[in-house]
Protein backbone atom coordinates (compact mmCIF):
# COMPACT_ATOMS: atom_id res chain seq x y z
CA MET A 1 99.08 71.93 74.06
CA SER A 2 95.33 71.16 75.47
CA ILE A 3 97.09 70.24 78.66
CA ILE A 4 97.84 74.13 79.19
CA TYR A 5 94.28 75.02 79.47
CA THR A 6 94.06 72.86 82.24
CA LEU A 7 97.03 73.68 84.17
CA ILE A 8 96.62 77.79 83.62
CA PRO A 9 93.19 77.37 85.75
CA VAL A 10 94.28 75.07 88.28
CA ALA A 11 97.50 77.42 88.86
CA ILE A 12 95.05 80.60 89.20
CA LEU A 13 92.88 78.53 91.78
CA PHE A 14 96.05 77.93 93.93
CA VAL A 15 97.34 81.20 93.90
CA LEU A 16 93.67 82.35 95.02
CA ILE A 17 93.71 79.87 97.59
CA ALA A 18 97.39 81.17 98.76
CA ALA A 19 96.08 84.80 98.74
CA ALA A 20 93.34 83.81 100.82
CA ILE A 21 94.91 82.34 103.37
CA PHE A 22 97.39 84.82 103.72
CA PHE A 23 95.04 87.28 104.02
CA TRP A 24 93.04 85.51 106.41
CA ALA A 25 96.32 85.05 108.81
CA VAL A 26 97.11 88.68 108.42
CA ARG A 27 93.39 89.55 109.66
CA SER A 28 93.40 87.27 112.48
CA ASP A 29 96.93 88.73 113.81
CA GLN A 30 98.80 85.76 113.15
CA PHE A 31 102.10 87.74 112.54
CA GLU A 32 101.61 90.08 115.34
CA ASP A 33 104.25 89.02 117.84
CA LEU A 34 107.06 87.46 116.07
CA ASP A 35 110.09 88.06 118.77
CA ARG A 36 108.21 85.99 121.44
CA GLN A 37 108.34 82.83 119.69
CA GLY A 38 112.16 83.37 118.81
CA SER A 39 113.03 84.37 122.47
CA ASN A 40 110.94 81.15 124.26
CA ILE A 41 113.80 78.86 123.23
CA LEU A 42 116.18 80.99 125.18
CA PHE A 43 114.62 80.39 128.69
CA ASP A 44 113.73 77.22 130.32
CA ASP A 45 110.22 75.80 131.41
CA GLU A 46 109.94 75.14 134.91
CA ARG A 47 109.23 71.35 135.39
CA ARG A 48 105.80 70.32 136.98
CA ASP A 49 106.95 67.19 138.62
CA ASP A 50 109.51 69.01 140.49
CA PRO A 51 108.56 68.95 144.17
CA LYS A 52 109.59 72.57 144.92
CA ASN A 53 107.19 73.86 142.16
CA GLN A 54 104.24 72.45 144.15
C-alpha cells in the first residue's frame, strides 16, 4: 500500500510533462500543415547525381 504513495505523484508528474510537451508543440505550430507530409511520399525527389539536373 505504501507504493501507491510513490506511484501517484510519479503518474501526476508524467501527465504534467506530457501536457507541457503537447502545449509546446501546439504553440510552436508543429501541427500546422498535416497534409503536406502525407503527400510528400507521392512525389519523386530529383536525384542530385543525375547529370541533366546540374
